Amino acid sequence: MNERAITELARRLGAACERRGVTVATAESCTGGGVAQAITRISGSSAWFDRGFVTYSNAAKEEMLGVSHAALEAHGAVSPEVAGEMALGALARSAADASVAITGIAGPGGGSAEKPVGLVWFAWAHRGGAAQCRRFVFAGGRDAIRSRSVVVALQGLIDLVG
């Protein structure tokens, strides 16, 4: 998906947030802040975007989002358990009402038979609720995987916010 289409998704998210009076936060690993970048392209997004956490390393996930060392050790960073903890941690460490977390393997290296390149776990959470996790495996190179991840994250927030 191209940048114009991603920006349009971010606009749609902003309109939904404004309608509902909701603010959002992001917790990003493999997208490196791409979701926050798309959101902040929208003029006035400070009214509905609270903050973004870029937690690329496991230590950053633990320190900034409160992801448990036990979850990282038992399941690895690219897992539903860690994605869920990231989404809930973003809510706990912000004033946002809803969050998205993204953790994956964008490649070209780092994949395995169990966790191939292109595997991305997402989690969306609403304050006071449980995290909803979804698994995707994207084809293509690093840029394509990251771009598709931004699209899924934004669309999931739109669906969550309503």
Protein backbone atom coordinates (compact mmCIF):
# COMPACT_ATOMS: atom_id res chain seq x y z
CA MET A 1 0.00 0.00 0.00
CA ASN A 2 1.38 3.42 -0.86
CA GLU A 3 1.92 6.37 1.48
CA ARG A 4 -1.24 8.15 0.27
CA ALA A 5 -3.37 5.14 1.16
CA ILE A 6 -1.70 4.84 4.57
CA THR A 7 -2.27 8.55 5.20
CA GLU A 8 -5.94 8.10 4.29
CA LEU A 9 -6.23 5.29 6.85
CA ALA A 10 -4.67 7.58 9.45
CA ARG A 11 -7.23 10.28 8.53
CA ARG A 12 -10.04 7.75 8.97
CA LEU A 13 -8.62 6.78 12.36
CA GLY A 14 -8.51 10.43 13.40
CA ALA A 15 -12.13 10.97 12.36
CA ALA A 16 -13.20 7.90 14.35
CA CYS A 17 -11.24 9.03 17.40
CA GLU A 18 -12.71 12.52 17.23
CA ARG A 19 -16.26 11.12 16.89
CA ARG A 20 -15.78 8.90 19.93
CA GLY A 21 -13.62 11.24 22.00
CA VAL A 22 -10.88 8.61 22.13
CA THR A 23 -7.10 8.94 22.21
CA VAL A 24 -4.64 6.31 21.02
CA ALA A 25 -1.08 5.18 21.71
CA THR A 26 1.24 2.91 19.75
CA ALA A 27 3.81 0.35 20.89
CA GLU A 28 5.99 -0.55 17.93
CA SER A 29 8.89 -2.86 17.35
CA CYS A 30 9.41 -4.01 13.74
CA THR A 31 7.62 -0.96 12.31
CA GLY A 32 10.06 1.38 14.05
CA GLY A 33 7.51 4.13 14.63
CA GLY A 34 5.84 3.85 11.22
CA VAL A 35 2.34 3.86 12.69
CA ALA A 36 3.08 6.95 14.78
CA GLN A 37 4.62 8.60 11.72
CA ALA A 38 1.47 7.94 9.67
CA ILE A 39 -0.72 9.32 12.46
CA THR A 40 1.33 12.46 12.96
CA ARG A 41 1.14 13.26 9.24
CA ILE A 42 -2.44 14.30 10.02
CA SER A 43 -2.82 17.91 11.05
CA GLY A 44 -4.49 18.11 14.44
CA SER A 45 -3.60 14.55 15.42
CA SER A 46 -2.36 15.80 18.78
CA ALA A 47 -6.04 15.94 19.79
CA TRP A 48 -6.33 12.15 19.52
CA PHE A 49 -2.78 10.71 19.48
CA ASP A 50 -1.22 10.59 22.94
CA ARG A 51 2.17 8.98 22.26
CA GLY A 52 4.16 6.29 20.54
CA PHE A 53 6.67 3.88 22.02
CA VAL A 54 9.36 2.46 19.74
CA THR A 55 10.66 -0.55 21.63
CA TYR A 56 12.92 -2.41 19.25
CA SER A 57 15.04 -4.26 21.81
CA ASN A 58 13.76 -6.64 24.47
CA ALA A 59 15.25 -4.35 27.13
CA ALA A 60 13.20 -1.43 25.76
CA LYS A 61 10.04 -3.57 25.82
CA GLU A 62 10.70 -4.35 29.48
CA GLU A 63 11.77 -0.84 30.56
CA MET A 64 9.32 1.30 28.58
CA LEU A 65 6.24 -0.94 28.44
CA GLY A 66 6.63 -3.25 31.41
CA VAL A 67 6.75 -6.42 29.29
CA SER A 68 7.73 -9.24 31.62
CA HIS A 69 11.12 -10.83 31.28
CA ALA A 70 9.39 -14.18 31.78
CA ALA A 71 7.18 -13.67 28.71
CA LEU A 72 10.16 -12.69 26.58
CA GLU A 73 12.16 -15.71 27.77
CA ALA A 74 9.32 -18.21 27.42
CA HIS A 75 7.73 -17.02 24.18
CA GLY A 76 10.17 -14.66 22.48
CA ALA A 77 9.57 -11.07 21.42
CA VAL A 78 7.52 -12.13 18.40
CA SER A 79 4.59 -13.77 20.16
CA PRO A 80 1.00 -13.07 21.11
CA GLU A 81 1.97 -12.95 24.78
CA VAL A 82 4.50 -10.17 24.24
CA ALA A 83 2.29 -8.27 21.78
CA GLY A 84 -0.52 -8.30 24.35
CA GLU A 85 1.76 -7.10 27.13
CA MET A 86 3.05 -4.33 24.85
CA ALA A 87 -0.48 -3.09 24.08
CA LEU A 88 -1.51 -3.13 27.74
CA GLY A 89 1.80 -1.53 28.75
CA ALA A 90 1.21 1.33 26.31
CA LEU A 91 -2.12 1.99 28.02
CA ALA A 92 -0.64 1.73 31.51
CA ARG A 93 2.09 4.24 30.63
CA SER A 94 -0.05 6.77 28.79
CA ALA A 95 -3.31 8.67 28.98
CA ALA A 96 -4.63 6.89 25.87
CA ASP A 97 -7.94 5.04 25.70
CA ALA A 98 -6.84 2.53 23.06
CA SER A 99 -3.55 1.11 21.83
CA VAL A 100 -1.94 -1.04 19.20
CA ALA A 101 1.24 -3.10 19.50
CA ILE A 102 3.29 -4.57 16.67
CA THR A 103 6.13 -7.08 16.97
CA GLY A 104 7.49 -9.14 14.11
CA ILE A 105 10.29 -10.33 11.89
CA ALA A 106 10.70 -7.97 8.95
CA GLY A 107 13.80 -9.69 7.57
CA PRO A 108 15.62 -10.35 5.50
CA GLY A 109 17.32 -12.33 8.30
CA GLY A 110 16.14 -13.41 11.72
CA GLY A 111 13.50 -15.91 10.68
CA SER A 112 13.23 -19.59 11.54
CA ALA A 113 10.96 -22.50 10.63
CA GLU A 114 8.80 -21.72 13.66
CA LYS A 115 8.91 -17.94 13.20
CA PRO A 116 9.49 -17.11 9.54
CA VAL A 117 10.41 -13.76 8.07
CA GLY A 118 7.13 -11.91 7.58
CA LEU A 119 5.56 -13.15 10.84
CA VAL A 120 4.00 -10.22 12.70
CA TRP A 121 1.90 -10.30 15.85
CA PHE A 122 -0.49 -7.42 16.55
CA ALA A 123 -2.42 -6.61 19.70
CA TRP A 124 -5.11 -3.99 20.19
CA ALA A 125 -6.42 -2.98 23.59
CA HIS A 126 -9.00 -0.64 25.07
CA ARG A 127 -8.48 0.75 28.57
CA GLY A 128 -10.00 -1.68 31.06
CA GLY A 129 -10.18 -4.52 28.54
CA ALA A 130 -8.05 -7.45 27.46
CA ALA A 131 -5.69 -7.31 24.51
CA GLN A 132 -6.92 -8.85 21.26
CA CYS A 133 -4.07 -10.48 19.34
CA ARG A 134 -3.83 -11.44 15.68
CA ARG A 135 -1.10 -13.17 13.69
CA PHE A 136 -0.17 -12.32 10.12
CA VAL A 137 2.53 -13.66 7.81
CA PHE A 138 3.34 -11.16 5.08
CA ALA A 139 5.20 -11.92 1.87
CA GLY A 140 7.78 -9.63 0.35
CA GLY A 141 10.84 -7.78 1.49
CA ARG A 142 11.48 -5.76 4.61
CA ASP A 143 9.82 -2.55 3.36
CA ALA A 144 6.71 -4.41 2.19
CA ILE A 145 6.36 -6.28 5.50
CA ARG A 146 6.72 -3.06 7.49
CA SER A 147 4.28 -1.16 5.26
CA ARG A 148 1.66 -3.91 5.43
CA SER A 149 2.09 -3.98 9.21
CA VAL A 150 1.35 -0.24 9.43
CA VAL A 151 -1.82 -0.78 7.38
CA VAL A 152 -3.04 -3.63 9.59
CA ALA A 153 -2.26 -1.67 12.76
CA LEU A 154 -4.20 1.39 11.59
CA GLN A 155 -7.16 -0.63 10.31
CA GLY A 156 -7.30 -2.52 13.61
CA LEU A 157 -7.38 0.75 15.55
CA ILE A 158 -10.19 2.02 13.29
CA ASP A 159 -12.14 -1.20 13.97
CA LEU A 160 -11.46 -0.95 17.73
CA VAL A 161 -12.44 2.70 18.05
CA GLY A 162 -15.47 2.34 15.78
